[in-house]
Amino acid sequence: MIILHRTRARLPFLYVVAPALLCATLGGCVYRMNIQQGNYLEGKTVDQLQVGMTRSQVRYLLGTPMVPAVFDKDRWDYVYYFKRGRLHRPDERHLVVFFKEDKVTRFDRDNVPNSAPQAPDQGPPVSKFPGI
């Protein structure tokens, strides 16, 4: 009878505290995938945009606008959003193209890089490693 009483005292610990500790430790191991939304805007592509281009030329160069303006048909918004996993700030780019009589009158670029992204460093050349 005493052994049965001790066994009952340990069961709540095993059923309540152990799963709580397990959930707390595994909570930090959740995979967060990359989130990419919108039109990818490169600086070299946006640099080709010129005042006087037609709507079809802009659509061919940059693609269909992500956010169509409902009340202003002479404004196209290109938005790009990219978030890497967790603990990183999202990369946001915004380009607004203004039209008048189906021709580009001006455009505003916000956080669109001027040059294409560079490849990461590939490490030291093979010649630096010792021969086998």
C-alpha atoms as a PDB file:
ATOM      1  CA  MET A   1       0.000   0.000   0.000  1.00  0.00           C
ATOM      2  CA  ILE A   2       2.849   2.408   0.710  1.00  0.00           C
ATOM      3  CA  ILE A   3       4.477   1.658  -2.657  1.00  0.00           C
ATOM      4  CA  LEU A   4       1.181   2.279  -4.415  1.00  0.00           C
ATOM      5  CA  HIS A   5       0.889   5.659  -2.674  1.00  0.00           C
ATOM      6  CA  ARG A   6       4.434   6.697  -3.750  1.00  0.00           C
ATOM      7  CA  THR A   7       3.738   5.668  -7.350  1.00  0.00           C
ATOM      8  CA  ARG A   8       0.690   7.927  -7.471  1.00  0.00           C
ATOM      9  CA  ALA A   9       2.738  10.867  -6.220  1.00  0.00           C
ATOM     10  CA  ARG A  10       5.235  10.489  -9.110  1.00  0.00           C
ATOM     11  CA  LEU A  11       2.626  10.121 -11.849  1.00  0.00           C
ATOM     12  CA  PRO A  12       1.439  13.772 -11.873  1.00  0.00           C
ATOM     13  CA  PHE A  13       5.064  14.890 -12.174  1.00  0.00           C
ATOM     14  CA  LEU A  14       5.653  12.629 -15.157  1.00  0.00           C
ATOM     15  CA  TYR A  15       2.376  13.534 -16.867  1.00  0.00           C
ATOM     16  CA  VAL A  16       2.454  17.299 -16.251  1.00  0.00           C
ATOM     17  CA  VAL A  17       5.993  18.578 -15.802  1.00  0.00           C
ATOM     18  CA  ALA A  18       7.873  16.325 -18.249  1.00  0.00           C
ATOM     19  CA  PRO A  19       5.685  17.211 -21.305  1.00  0.00           C
ATOM     20  CA  ALA A  20       5.835  20.894 -20.362  1.00  0.00           C
ATOM     21  CA  LEU A  21       9.642  20.771 -20.271  1.00  0.00           C
ATOM     22  CA  LEU A  22       9.719  18.873 -23.552  1.00  0.00           C
ATOM     23  CA  CYS A  23       7.472  21.448 -25.273  1.00  0.00           C
ATOM     24  CA  ALA A  24       9.546  24.322 -23.918  1.00  0.00           C
ATOM     25  CA  THR A  25      12.801  22.882 -25.241  1.00  0.00           C
ATOM     26  CA  LEU A  26      11.408  21.907 -28.632  1.00  0.00           C
ATOM     27  CA  GLY A  27       9.688  25.259 -29.119  1.00  0.00           C
ATOM     28  CA  GLY A  28      12.971  26.865 -30.160  1.00  0.00           C
ATOM     29  CA  CYS A  29      13.615  24.225 -32.822  1.00  0.00           C
ATOM     30  CA  VAL A  30      10.780  25.212 -35.137  1.00  0.00           C
ATOM     31  CA  TYR A  31      11.806  25.725 -38.758  1.00  0.00           C
ATOM     32  CA  ARG A  32      10.780  29.048 -40.228  1.00  0.00           C
ATOM     33  CA  MET A  33      10.737  29.066 -43.993  1.00  0.00           C
ATOM     34  CA  ASN A  34      11.622  32.036 -46.183  1.00  0.00           C
ATOM     35  CA  ILE A  35       8.693  34.205 -47.269  1.00  0.00           C
ATOM     36  CA  GLN A  36       8.870  35.901 -50.661  1.00  0.00           C
ATOM     37  CA  GLN A  37       6.017  37.959 -52.059  1.00  0.00           C
ATOM     38  CA  GLY A  38       5.538  40.399 -54.890  1.00  0.00           C
ATOM     39  CA  ASN A  39       7.572  41.436 -57.908  1.00  0.00           C
ATOM     40  CA  TYR A  40      11.335  40.904 -57.566  1.00  0.00           C
ATOM     41  CA  LEU A  41      12.901  44.281 -58.350  1.00  0.00           C
ATOM     42  CA  GLU A  42      16.549  44.495 -59.393  1.00  0.00           C
ATOM     43  CA  GLY A  43      18.374  47.764 -59.763  1.00  0.00           C
ATOM     44  CA  LYS A  44      19.560  46.990 -63.291  1.00  0.00           C
ATOM     45  CA  THR A  45      15.974  46.343 -64.413  1.00  0.00           C
ATOM     46  CA  VAL A  46      14.597  49.461 -62.775  1.00  0.00           C
ATOM     47  CA  ASP A  47      17.441  51.495 -64.321  1.00  0.00           C
ATOM     48  CA  GLN A  48      16.049  50.591 -67.762  1.00  0.00           C
ATOM     49  CA  LEU A  49      12.750  52.267 -66.889  1.00  0.00           C
ATOM     50  CA  GLN A  50      12.479  55.627 -68.659  1.00  0.00           C
ATOM     51  CA  VAL A  51      10.035  58.486 -68.828  1.00  0.00           C
ATOM     52  CA  GLY A  52       7.931  58.189 -71.988  1.00  0.00           C
ATOM     53  CA  MET A  53       7.663  54.379 -72.053  1.00  0.00           C
ATOM     54  CA  THR A  54       4.244  52.891 -72.747  1.00  0.00           C
ATOM     55  CA  ARG A  55       2.287  50.687 -70.340  1.00  0.00           C
ATOM     56  CA  SER A  56       3.054  47.574 -72.378  1.00  0.00           C
ATOM     57  CA  GLN A  57       6.787  48.341 -72.325  1.00  0.00           C
ATOM     58  CA  VAL A  58       6.711  48.764 -68.540  1.00  0.00           C
ATOM     59  CA  ARG A  59       4.728  45.535 -68.149  1.00  0.00           C
ATOM     60  CA  TYR A  60       7.270  43.703 -70.328  1.00  0.00           C
ATOM     61  CA  LEU A  61      10.187  45.111 -68.335  1.00  0.00           C
ATOM     62  CA  LEU A  62       8.868  44.793 -64.770  1.00  0.00           C
ATOM     63  CA  GLY A  63       5.911  42.444 -65.029  1.00  0.00           C
ATOM     64  CA  THR A  64       2.323  42.960 -63.966  1.00  0.00           C
ATOM     65  CA  PRO A  65       2.018  45.353 -61.010  1.00  0.00           C
ATOM     66  CA  MET A  66       1.436  43.648 -57.684  1.00  0.00           C
ATOM     67  CA  VAL A  67      -0.952  46.234 -56.279  1.00  0.00           C
ATOM     68  CA  PRO A  68      -3.392  47.607 -58.855  1.00  0.00           C
ATOM     69  CA  ALA A  69      -4.684  51.036 -57.898  1.00  0.00           C
ATOM     70  CA  VAL A  70      -8.475  50.840 -57.744  1.00  0.00           C
ATOM     71  CA  PHE A  71      -9.189  54.555 -57.762  1.00  0.00           C
ATOM     72  CA  ASP A  72      -6.161  55.753 -59.766  1.00  0.00           C
ATOM     73  CA  LYS A  73      -5.650  53.940 -63.076  1.00  0.00           C
ATOM     74  CA  ASP A  74      -2.552  56.037 -63.815  1.00  0.00           C
ATOM     75  CA  ARG A  75      -0.502  54.578 -60.944  1.00  0.00           C
ATOM     76  CA  TRP A  76       1.156  51.164 -60.744  1.00  0.00           C
ATOM     77  CA  ASP A  77       2.718  49.907 -57.523  1.00  0.00           C
ATOM     78  CA  TYR A  78       5.403  47.228 -57.591  1.00  0.00           C
ATOM     79  CA  VAL A  79       6.013  45.789 -54.134  1.00  0.00           C
ATOM     80  CA  TYR A  80       8.578  43.151 -53.128  1.00  0.00           C
ATOM     81  CA  TYR A  81       8.852  41.540 -49.673  1.00  0.00           C
ATOM     82  CA  PHE A  82      11.382  38.902 -48.595  1.00  0.00           C
ATOM     83  CA  LYS A  83      11.901  37.565 -45.063  1.00  0.00           C
ATOM     84  CA  ARG A  84      14.574  35.007 -44.273  1.00  0.00           C
ATOM     85  CA  GLY A  85      13.491  32.556 -41.587  1.00  0.00           C
ATOM     86  CA  ARG A  86      13.510  34.127 -38.165  1.00  0.00           C
ATOM     87  CA  LEU A  87      15.489  36.891 -36.506  1.00  0.00           C
ATOM     88  CA  HIS A  88      16.082  38.753 -39.765  1.00  0.00           C
ATOM     89  CA  ARG A  89      14.583  42.029 -40.850  1.00  0.00           C
ATOM     90  CA  PRO A  90      12.502  41.694 -43.999  1.00  0.00           C
ATOM     91  CA  ASP A  91      13.814  43.090 -47.271  1.00  0.00           C
ATOM     92  CA  GLU A  92      11.165  45.430 -48.679  1.00  0.00           C
ATOM     93  CA  ARG A  93      11.275  47.244 -52.015  1.00  0.00           C
ATOM     94  CA  HIS A  94       8.682  49.564 -53.489  1.00  0.00           C
ATOM     95  CA  LEU A  95       8.444  51.140 -56.927  1.00  0.00           C
ATOM     96  CA  VAL A  96       5.626  53.439 -57.999  1.00  0.00           C
ATOM     97  CA  VAL A  97       5.175  54.235 -61.699  1.00  0.00           C
ATOM     98  CA  PHE A  98       2.942  57.161 -62.693  1.00  0.00           C
ATOM     99  CA  PHE A  99       1.316  57.409 -66.133  1.00  0.00           C
ATOM    100  CA  LYS A 100      -0.363  60.167 -68.082  1.00  0.00           C
ATOM    101  CA  GLU A 101      -2.034  59.338 -71.397  1.00  0.00           C
ATOM    102  CA  ASP A 102      -0.521  55.795 -71.244  1.00  0.00           C
ATOM    103  CA  LYS A 103       3.068  57.101 -71.001  1.00  0.00           C
ATOM    104  CA  VAL A 104       5.369  57.094 -67.968  1.00  0.00           C
ATOM    105  CA  THR A 105       5.624  60.589 -66.514  1.00  0.00           C
ATOM    106  CA  ARG A 106       7.683  59.762 -63.414  1.00  0.00           C
ATOM    107  CA  PHE A 107       8.522  56.943 -61.031  1.00  0.00           C
ATOM    108  CA  ASP A 108       9.552  56.722 -57.389  1.00  0.00           C
ATOM    109  CA  ARG A 109      11.846  53.976 -56.156  1.00  0.00           C
ATOM    110  CA  ASP A 110      12.085  53.127 -52.485  1.00  0.00           C
ATOM    111  CA  ASN A 111      14.817  50.767 -51.261  1.00  0.00           C
ATOM    112  CA  VAL A 112      15.495  49.350 -54.735  1.00  0.00           C
ATOM    113  CA  PRO A 113      19.247  48.657 -54.990  1.00  0.00           C
ATOM    114  CA  ASN A 114      21.238  50.398 -57.698  1.00  0.00           C
ATOM    115  CA  SER A 115      23.177  47.284 -58.666  1.00  0.00           C
ATOM    116  CA  ALA A 116      22.507  43.578 -58.873  1.00  0.00           C
ATOM    117  CA  PRO A 117      23.262  41.516 -55.738  1.00  0.00           C
ATOM    118  CA  GLN A 118      26.772  40.115 -55.590  1.00  0.00           C
ATOM    119  CA  ALA A 119      27.525  36.415 -55.137  1.00  0.00           C
ATOM    120  CA  PRO A 120      28.872  35.455 -51.705  1.00  0.00           C
ATOM    121  CA  ASP A 121      32.582  34.911 -51.323  1.00  0.00           C
ATOM    122  CA  GLN A 122      33.469  31.395 -52.426  1.00  0.00           C
ATOM    123  CA  GLY A 123      36.317  31.053 -49.899  1.00  0.00           C
ATOM    124  CA  PRO A 124      40.041  30.707 -50.471  1.00  0.00           C
ATOM    125  CA  PRO A 125      41.303  29.361 -53.783  1.00  0.00           C
ATOM    126  CA  VAL A 126      42.180  25.684 -54.006  1.00  0.00           C
ATOM    127  CA  SER A 127      45.893  26.476 -54.335  1.00  0.00           C
ATOM    128  CA  LYS A 128      46.014  27.589 -50.673  1.00  0.00           C
ATOM    129  CA  PHE A 129      45.163  24.129 -49.413  1.00  0.00           C
ATOM    130  CA  PRO A 130      48.066  21.724 -48.813  1.00  0.00           C
ATOM    131  CA  GLY A 131      48.611  18.897 -51.272  1.00  0.00           C
ATOM    132  CA  ILE A 132      47.779  15.363 -50.278  1.00  0.00           C
END
